[in-house]
Amino acid sequence: RLTATGRAALGEADLAPRVRANMP
């Protein structure tokens, strides 16, 4: 599972909205 650091890194990379929506 992701750590808090992993979740923060994902958010900083601005990937979170696209990942959650599972869109290309």
PDBML (XML) file of the C-alpha atoms, coordinates in Angstrom:
<?xml version="1.0" encoding="UTF-8" ?>
<PDBx:datablock datablockName="MODEL"
   xmlns:PDBx="http://pdbml.pdb.org/schema/pdbx-v50.xsd"
   xmlns:xsi="http://www.w3.org/2001/XMLSchema-instance"
   xsi:schemaLocation="http://pdbml.pdb.org/schema/pdbx-v50.xsd pdbx-v50.xsd">
   <PDBx:atom_siteCategory>
      <PDBx:atom_site id="1">
         <PDBx:B_iso_or_equiv>0.00</PDBx:B_iso_or_equiv>
         <PDBx:Cartn_x>0.000</PDBx:Cartn_x>
         <PDBx:Cartn_y>0.000</PDBx:Cartn_y>
         <PDBx:Cartn_z>0.000</PDBx:Cartn_z>
         <PDBx:auth_asym_id>A</PDBx:auth_asym_id>
         <PDBx:auth_atom_id>CA</PDBx:auth_atom_id>
         <PDBx:auth_comp_id>ARG</PDBx:auth_comp_id>
         <PDBx:auth_seq_id>1</PDBx:auth_seq_id>
         <PDBx:group_PDB>ATOM</PDBx:group_PDB>
         <PDBx:label_alt_id xsi:nil="true" />
         <PDBx:label_asym_id>A</PDBx:label_asym_id>
         <PDBx:label_atom_id>CA</PDBx:label_atom_id>
         <PDBx:label_comp_id>ARG</PDBx:label_comp_id>
         <PDBx:label_entity_id>1</PDBx:label_entity_id>
         <PDBx:label_seq_id>1</PDBx:label_seq_id>
         <PDBx:occupancy>1.00</PDBx:occupancy>
         <PDBx:pdbx_PDB_model_num>1</PDBx:pdbx_PDB_model_num>
         <PDBx:type_symbol>C</PDBx:type_symbol>
      </PDBx:atom_site>
      <PDBx:atom_site id="2">
         <PDBx:B_iso_or_equiv>0.00</PDBx:B_iso_or_equiv>
         <PDBx:Cartn_x>1.093</PDBx:Cartn_x>
         <PDBx:Cartn_y>3.598</PDBx:Cartn_y>
         <PDBx:Cartn_z>-0.484</PDBx:Cartn_z>
         <PDBx:auth_asym_id>A</PDBx:auth_asym_id>
         <PDBx:auth_atom_id>CA</PDBx:auth_atom_id>
         <PDBx:auth_comp_id>LEU</PDBx:auth_comp_id>
         <PDBx:auth_seq_id>2</PDBx:auth_seq_id>
         <PDBx:group_PDB>ATOM</PDBx:group_PDB>
         <PDBx:label_alt_id xsi:nil="true" />
         <PDBx:label_asym_id>A</PDBx:label_asym_id>
         <PDBx:label_atom_id>CA</PDBx:label_atom_id>
         <PDBx:label_comp_id>LEU</PDBx:label_comp_id>
         <PDBx:label_entity_id>1</PDBx:label_entity_id>
         <PDBx:label_seq_id>2</PDBx:label_seq_id>
         <PDBx:occupancy>1.00</PDBx:occupancy>
         <PDBx:pdbx_PDB_model_num>1</PDBx:pdbx_PDB_model_num>
         <PDBx:type_symbol>C</PDBx:type_symbol>
      </PDBx:atom_site>
      <PDBx:atom_site id="3">
         <PDBx:B_iso_or_equiv>0.00</PDBx:B_iso_or_equiv>
         <PDBx:Cartn_x>2.739</PDBx:Cartn_x>
         <PDBx:Cartn_y>5.427</PDBx:Cartn_y>
         <PDBx:Cartn_z>2.382</PDBx:Cartn_z>
         <PDBx:auth_asym_id>A</PDBx:auth_asym_id>
         <PDBx:auth_atom_id>CA</PDBx:auth_atom_id>
         <PDBx:auth_comp_id>THR</PDBx:auth_comp_id>
         <PDBx:auth_seq_id>3</PDBx:auth_seq_id>
         <PDBx:group_PDB>ATOM</PDBx:group_PDB>
         <PDBx:label_alt_id xsi:nil="true" />
         <PDBx:label_asym_id>A</PDBx:label_asym_id>
         <PDBx:label_atom_id>CA</PDBx:label_atom_id>
         <PDBx:label_comp_id>THR</PDBx:label_comp_id>
         <PDBx:label_entity_id>1</PDBx:label_entity_id>
         <PDBx:label_seq_id>3</PDBx:label_seq_id>
         <PDBx:occupancy>1.00</PDBx:occupancy>
         <PDBx:pdbx_PDB_model_num>1</PDBx:pdbx_PDB_model_num>
         <PDBx:type_symbol>C</PDBx:type_symbol>
      </PDBx:atom_site>
      <PDBx:atom_site id="4">
         <PDBx:B_iso_or_equiv>0.00</PDBx:B_iso_or_equiv>
         <PDBx:Cartn_x>1.871</PDBx:Cartn_x>
         <PDBx:Cartn_y>9.031</PDBx:Cartn_y>
         <PDBx:Cartn_z>3.213</PDBx:Cartn_z>
         <PDBx:auth_asym_id>A</PDBx:auth_asym_id>
         <PDBx:auth_atom_id>CA</PDBx:auth_atom_id>
         <PDBx:auth_comp_id>ALA</PDBx:auth_comp_id>
         <PDBx:auth_seq_id>4</PDBx:auth_seq_id>
         <PDBx:group_PDB>ATOM</PDBx:group_PDB>
         <PDBx:label_alt_id xsi:nil="true" />
         <PDBx:label_asym_id>A</PDBx:label_asym_id>
         <PDBx:label_atom_id>CA</PDBx:label_atom_id>
         <PDBx:label_comp_id>ALA</PDBx:label_comp_id>
         <PDBx:label_entity_id>1</PDBx:label_entity_id>
         <PDBx:label_seq_id>4</PDBx:label_seq_id>
         <PDBx:occupancy>1.00</PDBx:occupancy>
         <PDBx:pdbx_PDB_model_num>1</PDBx:pdbx_PDB_model_num>
         <PDBx:type_symbol>C</PDBx:type_symbol>
      </PDBx:atom_site>
      <PDBx:atom_site id="5">
         <PDBx:B_iso_or_equiv>0.00</PDBx:B_iso_or_equiv>
         <PDBx:Cartn_x>5.054</PDBx:Cartn_x>
         <PDBx:Cartn_y>9.973</PDBx:Cartn_y>
         <PDBx:Cartn_z>1.349</PDBx:Cartn_z>
         <PDBx:auth_asym_id>A</PDBx:auth_asym_id>
         <PDBx:auth_atom_id>CA</PDBx:auth_atom_id>
         <PDBx:auth_comp_id>THR</PDBx:auth_comp_id>
         <PDBx:auth_seq_id>5</PDBx:auth_seq_id>
         <PDBx:group_PDB>ATOM</PDBx:group_PDB>
         <PDBx:label_alt_id xsi:nil="true" />
         <PDBx:label_asym_id>A</PDBx:label_asym_id>
         <PDBx:label_atom_id>CA</PDBx:label_atom_id>
         <PDBx:label_comp_id>THR</PDBx:label_comp_id>
         <PDBx:label_entity_id>1</PDBx:label_entity_id>
         <PDBx:label_seq_id>5</PDBx:label_seq_id>
         <PDBx:occupancy>1.00</PDBx:occupancy>
         <PDBx:pdbx_PDB_model_num>1</PDBx:pdbx_PDB_model_num>
         <PDBx:type_symbol>C</PDBx:type_symbol>
      </PDBx:atom_site>
      <PDBx:atom_site id="6">
         <PDBx:B_iso_or_equiv>0.00</PDBx:B_iso_or_equiv>
         <PDBx:Cartn_x>3.873</PDBx:Cartn_x>
         <PDBx:Cartn_y>7.982</PDBx:Cartn_y>
         <PDBx:Cartn_z>-1.672</PDBx:Cartn_z>
         <PDBx:auth_asym_id>A</PDBx:auth_asym_id>
         <PDBx:auth_atom_id>CA</PDBx:auth_atom_id>
         <PDBx:auth_comp_id>GLY</PDBx:auth_comp_id>
         <PDBx:auth_seq_id>6</PDBx:auth_seq_id>
         <PDBx:group_PDB>ATOM</PDBx:group_PDB>
         <PDBx:label_alt_id xsi:nil="true" />
         <PDBx:label_asym_id>A</PDBx:label_asym_id>
         <PDBx:label_atom_id>CA</PDBx:label_atom_id>
         <PDBx:label_comp_id>GLY</PDBx:label_comp_id>
         <PDBx:label_entity_id>1</PDBx:label_entity_id>
         <PDBx:label_seq_id>6</PDBx:label_seq_id>
         <PDBx:occupancy>1.00</PDBx:occupancy>
         <PDBx:pdbx_PDB_model_num>1</PDBx:pdbx_PDB_model_num>
         <PDBx:type_symbol>C</PDBx:type_symbol>
      </PDBx:atom_site>
      <PDBx:atom_site id="7">
         <PDBx:B_iso_or_equiv>0.00</PDBx:B_iso_or_equiv>
         <PDBx:Cartn_x>0.476</PDBx:Cartn_x>
         <PDBx:Cartn_y>9.686</PDBx:Cartn_y>
         <PDBx:Cartn_z>-1.650</PDBx:Cartn_z>
         <PDBx:auth_asym_id>A</PDBx:auth_asym_id>
         <PDBx:auth_atom_id>CA</PDBx:auth_atom_id>
         <PDBx:auth_comp_id>ARG</PDBx:auth_comp_id>
         <PDBx:auth_seq_id>7</PDBx:auth_seq_id>
         <PDBx:group_PDB>ATOM</PDBx:group_PDB>
         <PDBx:label_alt_id xsi:nil="true" />
         <PDBx:label_asym_id>A</PDBx:label_asym_id>
         <PDBx:label_atom_id>CA</PDBx:label_atom_id>
         <PDBx:label_comp_id>ARG</PDBx:label_comp_id>
         <PDBx:label_entity_id>1</PDBx:label_entity_id>
         <PDBx:label_seq_id>7</PDBx:label_seq_id>
         <PDBx:occupancy>1.00</PDBx:occupancy>
         <PDBx:pdbx_PDB_model_num>1</PDBx:pdbx_PDB_model_num>
         <PDBx:type_symbol>C</PDBx:type_symbol>
      </PDBx:atom_site>
      <PDBx:atom_site id="8">
         <PDBx:B_iso_or_equiv>0.00</PDBx:B_iso_or_equiv>
         <PDBx:Cartn_x>2.173</PDBx:Cartn_x>
         <PDBx:Cartn_y>13.086</PDBx:Cartn_y>
         <PDBx:Cartn_z>-1.387</PDBx:Cartn_z>
         <PDBx:auth_asym_id>A</PDBx:auth_asym_id>
         <PDBx:auth_atom_id>CA</PDBx:auth_atom_id>
         <PDBx:auth_comp_id>ALA</PDBx:auth_comp_id>
         <PDBx:auth_seq_id>8</PDBx:auth_seq_id>
         <PDBx:group_PDB>ATOM</PDBx:group_PDB>
         <PDBx:label_alt_id xsi:nil="true" />
         <PDBx:label_asym_id>A</PDBx:label_asym_id>
         <PDBx:label_atom_id>CA</PDBx:label_atom_id>
         <PDBx:label_comp_id>ALA</PDBx:label_comp_id>
         <PDBx:label_entity_id>1</PDBx:label_entity_id>
         <PDBx:label_seq_id>8</PDBx:label_seq_id>
         <PDBx:occupancy>1.00</PDBx:occupancy>
         <PDBx:pdbx_PDB_model_num>1</PDBx:pdbx_PDB_model_num>
         <PDBx:type_symbol>C</PDBx:type_symbol>
      </PDBx:atom_site>
      <PDBx:atom_site id="9">
         <PDBx:B_iso_or_equiv>0.00</PDBx:B_iso_or_equiv>
         <PDBx:Cartn_x>4.542</PDBx:Cartn_x>
         <PDBx:Cartn_y>12.253</PDBx:Cartn_y>
         <PDBx:Cartn_z>-4.258</PDBx:Cartn_z>
         <PDBx:auth_asym_id>A</PDBx:auth_asym_id>
         <PDBx:auth_atom_id>CA</PDBx:auth_atom_id>
         <PDBx:auth_comp_id>ALA</PDBx:auth_comp_id>
         <PDBx:auth_seq_id>9</PDBx:auth_seq_id>
         <PDBx:group_PDB>ATOM</PDBx:group_PDB>
         <PDBx:label_alt_id xsi:nil="true" />
         <PDBx:label_asym_id>A</PDBx:label_asym_id>
         <PDBx:label_atom_id>CA</PDBx:label_atom_id>
         <PDBx:label_comp_id>ALA</PDBx:label_comp_id>
         <PDBx:label_entity_id>1</PDBx:label_entity_id>
         <PDBx:label_seq_id>9</PDBx:label_seq_id>
         <PDBx:occupancy>1.00</PDBx:occupancy>
         <PDBx:pdbx_PDB_model_num>1</PDBx:pdbx_PDB_model_num>
         <PDBx:type_symbol>C</PDBx:type_symbol>
      </PDBx:atom_site>
      <PDBx:atom_site id="10">
         <PDBx:B_iso_or_equiv>0.00</PDBx:B_iso_or_equiv>
         <PDBx:Cartn_x>1.607</PDBx:Cartn_x>
         <PDBx:Cartn_y>11.189</PDBx:Cartn_y>
         <PDBx:Cartn_z>-6.398</PDBx:Cartn_z>
         <PDBx:auth_asym_id>A</PDBx:auth_asym_id>
         <PDBx:auth_atom_id>CA</PDBx:auth_atom_id>
         <PDBx:auth_comp_id>LEU</PDBx:auth_comp_id>
         <PDBx:auth_seq_id>10</PDBx:auth_seq_id>
         <PDBx:group_PDB>ATOM</PDBx:group_PDB>
         <PDBx:label_alt_id xsi:nil="true" />
         <PDBx:label_asym_id>A</PDBx:label_asym_id>
         <PDBx:label_atom_id>CA</PDBx:label_atom_id>
         <PDBx:label_comp_id>LEU</PDBx:label_comp_id>
         <PDBx:label_entity_id>1</PDBx:label_entity_id>
         <PDBx:label_seq_id>10</PDBx:label_seq_id>
         <PDBx:occupancy>1.00</PDBx:occupancy>
         <PDBx:pdbx_PDB_model_num>1</PDBx:pdbx_PDB_model_num>
         <PDBx:type_symbol>C</PDBx:type_symbol>
      </PDBx:atom_site>
      <PDBx:atom_site id="11">
         <PDBx:B_iso_or_equiv>0.00</PDBx:B_iso_or_equiv>
         <PDBx:Cartn_x>-0.176</PDBx:Cartn_x>
         <PDBx:Cartn_y>14.452</PDBx:Cartn_y>
         <PDBx:Cartn_z>-5.631</PDBx:Cartn_z>
         <PDBx:auth_asym_id>A</PDBx:auth_asym_id>
         <PDBx:auth_atom_id>CA</PDBx:auth_atom_id>
         <PDBx:auth_comp_id>GLY</PDBx:auth_comp_id>
         <PDBx:auth_seq_id>11</PDBx:auth_seq_id>
         <PDBx:group_PDB>ATOM</PDBx:group_PDB>
         <PDBx:label_alt_id xsi:nil="true" />
         <PDBx:label_asym_id>A</PDBx:label_asym_id>
         <PDBx:label_atom_id>CA</PDBx:label_atom_id>
         <PDBx:label_comp_id>GLY</PDBx:label_comp_id>
         <PDBx:label_entity_id>1</PDBx:label_entity_id>
         <PDBx:label_seq_id>11</PDBx:label_seq_id>
         <PDBx:occupancy>1.00</PDBx:occupancy>
         <PDBx:pdbx_PDB_model_num>1</PDBx:pdbx_PDB_model_num>
         <PDBx:type_symbol>C</PDBx:type_symbol>
      </PDBx:atom_site>
      <PDBx:atom_site id="12">
         <PDBx:B_iso_or_equiv>0.00</PDBx:B_iso_or_equiv>
         <PDBx:Cartn_x>2.939</PDBx:Cartn_x>
         <PDBx:Cartn_y>16.534</PDBx:Cartn_y>
         <PDBx:Cartn_z>-6.296</PDBx:Cartn_z>
         <PDBx:auth_asym_id>A</PDBx:auth_asym_id>
         <PDBx:auth_atom_id>CA</PDBx:auth_atom_id>
         <PDBx:auth_comp_id>GLU</PDBx:auth_comp_id>
         <PDBx:auth_seq_id>12</PDBx:auth_seq_id>
         <PDBx:group_PDB>ATOM</PDBx:group_PDB>
         <PDBx:label_alt_id xsi:nil="true" />
         <PDBx:label_asym_id>A</PDBx:label_asym_id>
         <PDBx:label_atom_id>CA</PDBx:label_atom_id>
         <PDBx:label_comp_id>GLU</PDBx:label_comp_id>
         <PDBx:label_entity_id>1</PDBx:label_entity_id>
         <PDBx:label_seq_id>12</PDBx:label_seq_id>
         <PDBx:occupancy>1.00</PDBx:occupancy>
         <PDBx:pdbx_PDB_model_num>1</PDBx:pdbx_PDB_model_num>
         <PDBx:type_symbol>C</PDBx:type_symbol>
      </PDBx:atom_site>
      <PDBx:atom_site id="13">
         <PDBx:B_iso_or_equiv>0.00</PDBx:B_iso_or_equiv>
         <PDBx:Cartn_x>3.332</PDBx:Cartn_x>
         <PDBx:Cartn_y>14.876</PDBx:Cartn_y>
         <PDBx:Cartn_z>-9.683</PDBx:Cartn_z>
         <PDBx:auth_asym_id>A</PDBx:auth_asym_id>
         <PDBx:auth_atom_id>CA</PDBx:auth_atom_id>
         <PDBx:auth_comp_id>ALA</PDBx:auth_comp_id>
         <PDBx:auth_seq_id>13</PDBx:auth_seq_id>
         <PDBx:group_PDB>ATOM</PDBx:group_PDB>
         <PDBx:label_alt_id xsi:nil="true" />
         <PDBx:label_asym_id>A</PDBx:label_asym_id>
         <PDBx:label_atom_id>CA</PDBx:label_atom_id>
         <PDBx:label_comp_id>ALA</PDBx:label_comp_id>
         <PDBx:label_entity_id>1</PDBx:label_entity_id>
         <PDBx:label_seq_id>13</PDBx:label_seq_id>
         <PDBx:occupancy>1.00</PDBx:occupancy>
         <PDBx:pdbx_PDB_model_num>1</PDBx:pdbx_PDB_model_num>
         <PDBx:type_symbol>C</PDBx:type_symbol>
      </PDBx:atom_site>
      <PDBx:atom_site id="14">
         <PDBx:B_iso_or_equiv>0.00</PDBx:B_iso_or_equiv>
         <PDBx:Cartn_x>-0.194</PDBx:Cartn_x>
         <PDBx:Cartn_y>16.101</PDBx:Cartn_y>
         <PDBx:Cartn_z>-10.448</PDBx:Cartn_z>
         <PDBx:auth_asym_id>A</PDBx:auth_asym_id>
         <PDBx:auth_atom_id>CA</PDBx:auth_atom_id>
         <PDBx:auth_comp_id>ASP</PDBx:auth_comp_id>
         <PDBx:auth_seq_id>14</PDBx:auth_seq_id>
         <PDBx:group_PDB>ATOM</PDBx:group_PDB>
         <PDBx:label_alt_id xsi:nil="true" />
         <PDBx:label_asym_id>A</PDBx:label_asym_id>
         <PDBx:label_atom_id>CA</PDBx:label_atom_id>
         <PDBx:label_comp_id>ASP</PDBx:label_comp_id>
         <PDBx:label_entity_id>1</PDBx:label_entity_id>
         <PDBx:label_seq_id>14</PDBx:label_seq_id>
         <PDBx:occupancy>1.00</PDBx:occupancy>
         <PDBx:pdbx_PDB_model_num>1</PDBx:pdbx_PDB_model_num>
         <PDBx:type_symbol>C</PDBx:type_symbol>
      </PDBx:atom_site>
      <PDBx:atom_site id="15">
         <PDBx:B_iso_or_equiv>0.00</PDBx:B_iso_or_equiv>
         <PDBx:Cartn_x>-1.151</PDBx:Cartn_x>
         <PDBx:Cartn_y>12.556</PDBx:Cartn_y>
         <PDBx:Cartn_z>-11.397</PDBx:Cartn_z>
         <PDBx:auth_asym_id>A</PDBx:auth_asym_id>
         <PDBx:auth_atom_id>CA</PDBx:auth_atom_id>
         <PDBx:auth_comp_id>LEU</PDBx:auth_comp_id>
         <PDBx:auth_seq_id>15</PDBx:auth_seq_id>
         <PDBx:group_PDB>ATOM</PDBx:group_PDB>
         <PDBx:label_alt_id xsi:nil="true" />
         <PDBx:label_asym_id>A</PDBx:label_asym_id>
         <PDBx:label_atom_id>CA</PDBx:label_atom_id>
         <PDBx:label_comp_id>LEU</PDBx:label_comp_id>
         <PDBx:label_entity_id>1</PDBx:label_entity_id>
         <PDBx:label_seq_id>15</PDBx:label_seq_id>
         <PDBx:occupancy>1.00</PDBx:occupancy>
         <PDBx:pdbx_PDB_model_num>1</PDBx:pdbx_PDB_model_num>
         <PDBx:type_symbol>C</PDBx:type_symbol>
      </PDBx:atom_site>
      <PDBx:atom_site id="16">
         <PDBx:B_iso_or_equiv>0.00</PDBx:B_iso_or_equiv>
         <PDBx:Cartn_x>-3.768</PDBx:Cartn_x>
         <PDBx:Cartn_y>12.021</PDBx:Cartn_y>
         <PDBx:Cartn_z>-8.724</PDBx:Cartn_z>
         <PDBx:auth_asym_id>A</PDBx:auth_asym_id>
         <PDBx:auth_atom_id>CA</PDBx:auth_atom_id>
         <PDBx:auth_comp_id>ALA</PDBx:auth_comp_id>
         <PDBx:auth_seq_id>16</PDBx:auth_seq_id>
         <PDBx:group_PDB>ATOM</PDBx:group_PDB>
         <PDBx:label_alt_id xsi:nil="true" />
         <PDBx:label_asym_id>A</PDBx:label_asym_id>
         <PDBx:label_atom_id>CA</PDBx:label_atom_id>
         <PDBx:label_comp_id>ALA</PDBx:label_comp_id>
         <PDBx:label_entity_id>1</PDBx:label_entity_id>
         <PDBx:label_seq_id>16</PDBx:label_seq_id>
         <PDBx:occupancy>1.00</PDBx:occupancy>
         <PDBx:pdbx_PDB_model_num>1</PDBx:pdbx_PDB_model_num>
         <PDBx:type_symbol>C</PDBx:type_symbol>
      </PDBx:atom_site>
      <PDBx:atom_site id="17">
         <PDBx:B_iso_or_equiv>0.00</PDBx:B_iso_or_equiv>
         <PDBx:Cartn_x>-6.812</PDBx:Cartn_x>
         <PDBx:Cartn_y>13.383</PDBx:Cartn_y>
         <PDBx:Cartn_z>-10.619</PDBx:Cartn_z>
         <PDBx:auth_asym_id>A</PDBx:auth_asym_id>
         <PDBx:auth_atom_id>CA</PDBx:auth_atom_id>
         <PDBx:auth_comp_id>PRO</PDBx:auth_comp_id>
         <PDBx:auth_seq_id>17</PDBx:auth_seq_id>
         <PDBx:group_PDB>ATOM</PDBx:group_PDB>
         <PDBx:label_alt_id xsi:nil="true" />
         <PDBx:label_asym_id>A</PDBx:label_asym_id>
         <PDBx:label_atom_id>CA</PDBx:label_atom_id>
         <PDBx:label_comp_id>PRO</PDBx:label_comp_id>
         <PDBx:label_entity_id>1</PDBx:label_entity_id>
         <PDBx:label_seq_id>17</PDBx:label_seq_id>
         <PDBx:occupancy>1.00</PDBx:occupancy>
         <PDBx:pdbx_PDB_model_num>1</PDBx:pdbx_PDB_model_num>
         <PDBx:type_symbol>C</PDBx:type_symbol>
      </PDBx:atom_site>
      <PDBx:atom_site id="18">
         <PDBx:B_iso_or_equiv>0.00</PDBx:B_iso_or_equiv>
         <PDBx:Cartn_x>-5.955</PDBx:Cartn_x>
         <PDBx:Cartn_y>11.418</PDBx:Cartn_y>
         <PDBx:Cartn_z>-13.779</PDBx:Cartn_z>
         <PDBx:auth_asym_id>A</PDBx:auth_asym_id>
         <PDBx:auth_atom_id>CA</PDBx:auth_atom_id>
         <PDBx:auth_comp_id>ARG</PDBx:auth_comp_id>
         <PDBx:auth_seq_id>18</PDBx:auth_seq_id>
         <PDBx:group_PDB>ATOM</PDBx:group_PDB>
         <PDBx:label_alt_id xsi:nil="true" />
         <PDBx:label_asym_id>A</PDBx:label_asym_id>
         <PDBx:label_atom_id>CA</PDBx:label_atom_id>
         <PDBx:label_comp_id>ARG</PDBx:label_comp_id>
         <PDBx:label_entity_id>1</PDBx:label_entity_id>
         <PDBx:label_seq_id>18</PDBx:label_seq_id>
         <PDBx:occupancy>1.00</PDBx:occupancy>
         <PDBx:pdbx_PDB_model_num>1</PDBx:pdbx_PDB_model_num>
         <PDBx:type_symbol>C</PDBx:type_symbol>
      </PDBx:atom_site>
      <PDBx:atom_site id="19">
         <PDBx:B_iso_or_equiv>0.00</PDBx:B_iso_or_equiv>
         <PDBx:Cartn_x>-5.179</PDBx:Cartn_x>
         <PDBx:Cartn_y>8.259</PDBx:Cartn_y>
         <PDBx:Cartn_z>-11.794</PDBx:Cartn_z>
         <PDBx:auth_asym_id>A</PDBx:auth_asym_id>
         <PDBx:auth_atom_id>CA</PDBx:auth_atom_id>
         <PDBx:auth_comp_id>VAL</PDBx:auth_comp_id>
         <PDBx:auth_seq_id>19</PDBx:auth_seq_id>
         <PDBx:group_PDB>ATOM</PDBx:group_PDB>
         <PDBx:label_alt_id xsi:nil="true" />
         <PDBx:label_asym_id>A</PDBx:label_asym_id>
         <PDBx:label_atom_id>CA</PDBx:label_atom_id>
         <PDBx:label_comp_id>VAL</PDBx:label_comp_id>
         <PDBx:label_entity_id>1</PDBx:label_entity_id>
         <PDBx:label_seq_id>19</PDBx:label_seq_id>
         <PDBx:occupancy>1.00</PDBx:occupancy>
         <PDBx:pdbx_PDB_model_num>1</PDBx:pdbx_PDB_model_num>
         <PDBx:type_symbol>C</PDBx:type_symbol>
      </PDBx:atom_site>
      <PDBx:atom_site id="20">
         <PDBx:B_iso_or_equiv>0.00</PDBx:B_iso_or_equiv>
         <PDBx:Cartn_x>-8.403</PDBx:Cartn_x>
         <PDBx:Cartn_y>8.436</PDBx:Cartn_y>
         <PDBx:Cartn_z>-9.817</PDBx:Cartn_z>
         <PDBx:auth_asym_id>A</PDBx:auth_asym_id>
         <PDBx:auth_atom_id>CA</PDBx:auth_atom_id>
         <PDBx:auth_comp_id>ARG</PDBx:auth_comp_id>
         <PDBx:auth_seq_id>20</PDBx:auth_seq_id>
         <PDBx:group_PDB>ATOM</PDBx:group_PDB>
         <PDBx:label_alt_id xsi:nil="true" />
         <PDBx:label_asym_id>A</PDBx:label_asym_id>
         <PDBx:label_atom_id>CA</PDBx:label_atom_id>
         <PDBx:label_comp_id>ARG</PDBx:label_comp_id>
         <PDBx:label_entity_id>1</PDBx:label_entity_id>
         <PDBx:label_seq_id>20</PDBx:label_seq_id>
         <PDBx:occupancy>1.00</PDBx:occupancy>
         <PDBx:pdbx_PDB_model_num>1</PDBx:pdbx_PDB_model_num>
         <PDBx:type_symbol>C</PDBx:type_symbol>
      </PDBx:atom_site>
      <PDBx:atom_site id="21">
         <PDBx:B_iso_or_equiv>0.00</PDBx:B_iso_or_equiv>
         <PDBx:Cartn_x>-10.382</PDBx:Cartn_x>
         <PDBx:Cartn_y>8.933</PDBx:Cartn_y>
         <PDBx:Cartn_z>-12.996</PDBx:Cartn_z>
         <PDBx:auth_asym_id>A</PDBx:auth_asym_id>
         <PDBx:auth_atom_id>CA</PDBx:auth_atom_id>
         <PDBx:auth_comp_id>ALA</PDBx:auth_comp_id>
         <PDBx:auth_seq_id>21</PDBx:auth_seq_id>
         <PDBx:group_PDB>ATOM</PDBx:group_PDB>
         <PDBx:label_alt_id xsi:nil="true" />
         <PDBx:label_asym_id>A</PDBx:label_asym_id>
         <PDBx:label_atom_id>CA</PDBx:label_atom_id>
         <PDBx:label_comp_id>ALA</PDBx:label_comp_id>
         <PDBx:label_entity_id>1</PDBx:label_entity_id>
         <PDBx:label_seq_id>21</PDBx:label_seq_id>
         <PDBx:occupancy>1.00</PDBx:occupancy>
         <PDBx:pdbx_PDB_model_num>1</PDBx:pdbx_PDB_model_num>
         <PDBx:type_symbol>C</PDBx:type_symbol>
      </PDBx:atom_site>
      <PDBx:atom_site id="22">
         <PDBx:B_iso_or_equiv>0.00</PDBx:B_iso_or_equiv>
         <PDBx:Cartn_x>-8.361</PDBx:Cartn_x>
         <PDBx:Cartn_y>6.155</PDBx:Cartn_y>
         <PDBx:Cartn_z>-14.670</PDBx:Cartn_z>
         <PDBx:auth_asym_id>A</PDBx:auth_asym_id>
         <PDBx:auth_atom_id>CA</PDBx:auth_atom_id>
         <PDBx:auth_comp_id>ASN</PDBx:auth_comp_id>
         <PDBx:auth_seq_id>22</PDBx:auth_seq_id>
         <PDBx:group_PDB>ATOM</PDBx:group_PDB>
         <PDBx:label_alt_id xsi:nil="true" />
         <PDBx:label_asym_id>A</PDBx:label_asym_id>
         <PDBx:label_atom_id>CA</PDBx:label_atom_id>
         <PDBx:label_comp_id>ASN</PDBx:label_comp_id>
         <PDBx:label_entity_id>1</PDBx:label_entity_id>
         <PDBx:label_seq_id>22</PDBx:label_seq_id>
         <PDBx:occupancy>1.00</PDBx:occupancy>
         <PDBx:pdbx_PDB_model_num>1</PDBx:pdbx_PDB_model_num>
         <PDBx:type_symbol>C</PDBx:type_symbol>
      </PDBx:atom_site>
      <PDBx:atom_site id="23">
         <PDBx:B_iso_or_equiv>0.00</PDBx:B_iso_or_equiv>
         <PDBx:Cartn_x>-8.072</PDBx:Cartn_x>
         <PDBx:Cartn_y>8.261</PDBx:Cartn_y>
         <PDBx:Cartn_z>-17.789</PDBx:Cartn_z>
         <PDBx:auth_asym_id>A</PDBx:auth_asym_id>
         <PDBx:auth_atom_id>CA</PDBx:auth_atom_id>
         <PDBx:auth_comp_id>MET</PDBx:auth_comp_id>
         <PDBx:auth_seq_id>23</PDBx:auth_seq_id>
         <PDBx:group_PDB>ATOM</PDBx:group_PDB>
         <PDBx:label_alt_id xsi:nil="true" />
         <PDBx:label_asym_id>A</PDBx:label_asym_id>
         <PDBx:label_atom_id>CA</PDBx:label_atom_id>
         <PDBx:label_comp_id>MET</PDBx:label_comp_id>
         <PDBx:label_entity_id>1</PDBx:label_entity_id>
         <PDBx:label_seq_id>23</PDBx:label_seq_id>
         <PDBx:occupancy>1.00</PDBx:occupancy>
         <PDBx:pdbx_PDB_model_num>1</PDBx:pdbx_PDB_model_num>
         <PDBx:type_symbol>C</PDBx:type_symbol>
      </PDBx:atom_site>
      <PDBx:atom_site id="24">
         <PDBx:B_iso_or_equiv>0.00</PDBx:B_iso_or_equiv>
         <PDBx:Cartn_x>-5.200</PDBx:Cartn_x>
         <PDBx:Cartn_y>8.391</PDBx:Cartn_y>
         <PDBx:Cartn_z>-20.261</PDBx:Cartn_z>
         <PDBx:auth_asym_id>A</PDBx:auth_asym_id>
         <PDBx:auth_atom_id>CA</PDBx:auth_atom_id>
         <PDBx:auth_comp_id>PRO</PDBx:auth_comp_id>
         <PDBx:auth_seq_id>24</PDBx:auth_seq_id>
         <PDBx:group_PDB>ATOM</PDBx:group_PDB>
         <PDBx:label_alt_id xsi:nil="true" />
         <PDBx:label_asym_id>A</PDBx:label_asym_id>
         <PDBx:label_atom_id>CA</PDBx:label_atom_id>
         <PDBx:label_comp_id>PRO</PDBx:label_comp_id>
         <PDBx:label_entity_id>1</PDBx:label_entity_id>
         <PDBx:label_seq_id>24</PDBx:label_seq_id>
         <PDBx:occupancy>1.00</PDBx:occupancy>
         <PDBx:pdbx_PDB_model_num>1</PDBx:pdbx_PDB_model_num>
         <PDBx:type_symbol>C</PDBx:type_symbol>
      </PDBx:atom_site>
   </PDBx:atom_siteCategory>
</PDBx:datablock>
